[in-house]
Amino acid sequence: CPGGKRVSNPARAFAMYACQRYGALSLKQIAVLFNLNHSGSVSFSVNKVKRELVEGQWLSEVKQLERELYIVK
């Protein structure tokens, strides 16, 4: 991010969540994949998506991803 400013990118945050949830990657591994210096940045994004899931957001994306990954519930 230019100037060190945090830029909100919901799709990127969801991708980080998916890496942890479905890829069983650690926060540190995800930080490396997303070119981040701190795993805390990943934790912040993943927890934000988790809170949004409880509120009913991301449901269609989760269903689509699980369908594509052949996850049956």
Protein backbone atom coordinates (compact mmCIF):
# COMPACT_ATOMS: atom_id res chain seq x y z
CA CYS A 1 0.00 0.00 0.00
CA PRO A 2 1.44 3.37 -0.92
CA GLY A 3 2.39 5.45 2.07
CA GLY A 4 1.59 2.56 4.40
CA LYS A 5 -2.14 3.21 4.27
CA ARG A 6 -4.45 0.25 4.74
CA VAL A 7 -6.74 -0.30 1.79
CA SER A 8 -9.91 -2.31 2.29
CA ASN A 9 -10.21 -5.18 -0.18
CA PRO A 10 -13.08 -7.48 0.78
CA ALA A 11 -12.33 -10.05 -1.94
CA ARG A 12 -8.73 -10.35 -0.75
CA ALA A 13 -9.91 -10.75 2.85
CA PHE A 14 -12.30 -13.52 1.75
CA ALA A 15 -9.46 -15.22 -0.13
CA MET A 16 -7.37 -15.19 3.07
CA TYR A 17 -10.31 -16.67 4.99
CA ALA A 18 -10.69 -19.41 2.36
CA CYS A 19 -6.98 -20.24 2.54
CA GLN A 20 -7.24 -20.75 6.28
CA ARG A 21 -10.64 -22.48 6.31
CA TYR A 22 -10.33 -24.76 3.30
CA GLY A 23 -6.58 -24.88 2.76
CA ALA A 24 -5.65 -25.38 6.41
CA LEU A 25 -2.85 -22.84 6.02
CA SER A 26 -1.37 -21.03 9.00
CA LEU A 27 -1.60 -17.25 9.31
CA LYS A 28 2.12 -17.05 8.62
CA GLN A 29 1.80 -19.11 5.42
CA ILE A 30 -1.08 -16.93 4.23
CA ALA A 31 0.92 -13.77 4.98
CA VAL A 32 3.71 -15.06 2.73
CA LEU A 33 1.24 -15.91 -0.06
CA PHE A 34 -0.32 -12.43 0.09
CA ASN A 35 3.03 -10.65 0.42
CA LEU A 36 2.30 -9.31 3.90
CA ASN A 37 4.90 -8.58 6.56
CA HIS A 38 2.80 -9.60 9.56
CA SER A 39 0.49 -12.51 10.23
CA GLY A 40 -1.59 -10.09 12.32
CA SER A 41 -2.78 -8.48 9.11
CA VAL A 42 -4.10 -11.86 8.01
CA SER A 43 -5.73 -12.45 11.39
CA PHE A 44 -7.50 -9.09 11.20
CA SER A 45 -8.87 -9.83 7.71
CA VAL A 46 -9.90 -13.41 8.49
CA ASN A 47 -11.69 -12.38 11.68
CA LYS A 48 -13.50 -9.60 9.82
CA VAL A 49 -14.81 -12.11 7.28
CA LYS A 50 -15.84 -14.48 10.12
CA ARG A 51 -17.84 -11.68 11.76
CA GLU A 52 -19.47 -10.86 8.43
CA LEU A 53 -20.38 -14.52 7.91
CA VAL A 54 -22.24 -14.50 11.23
CA GLU A 55 -24.14 -11.44 9.97
CA GLY A 56 -25.16 -13.31 6.81
CA GLN A 57 -22.67 -11.86 4.36
CA TRP A 58 -20.56 -14.01 2.04
CA LEU A 59 -23.09 -16.87 2.06
CA SER A 60 -23.37 -17.15 -1.72
CA GLU A 61 -19.57 -17.03 -2.07
CA VAL A 62 -19.13 -19.77 0.54
CA LYS A 63 -21.74 -21.96 -1.16
CA GLN A 64 -20.11 -21.47 -4.56
CA LEU A 65 -16.63 -22.19 -3.22
CA GLU A 66 -17.79 -25.31 -1.40
CA ARG A 67 -19.57 -26.48 -4.55
CA GLU A 68 -16.40 -25.98 -6.57
CA LEU A 69 -14.33 -27.79 -3.93
CA TYR A 70 -16.92 -30.63 -3.75
CA ILE A 71 -17.59 -30.02 -0.07
CA VAL A 72 -20.92 -31.54 0.90
CA LYS A 73 -22.69 -30.53 4.11
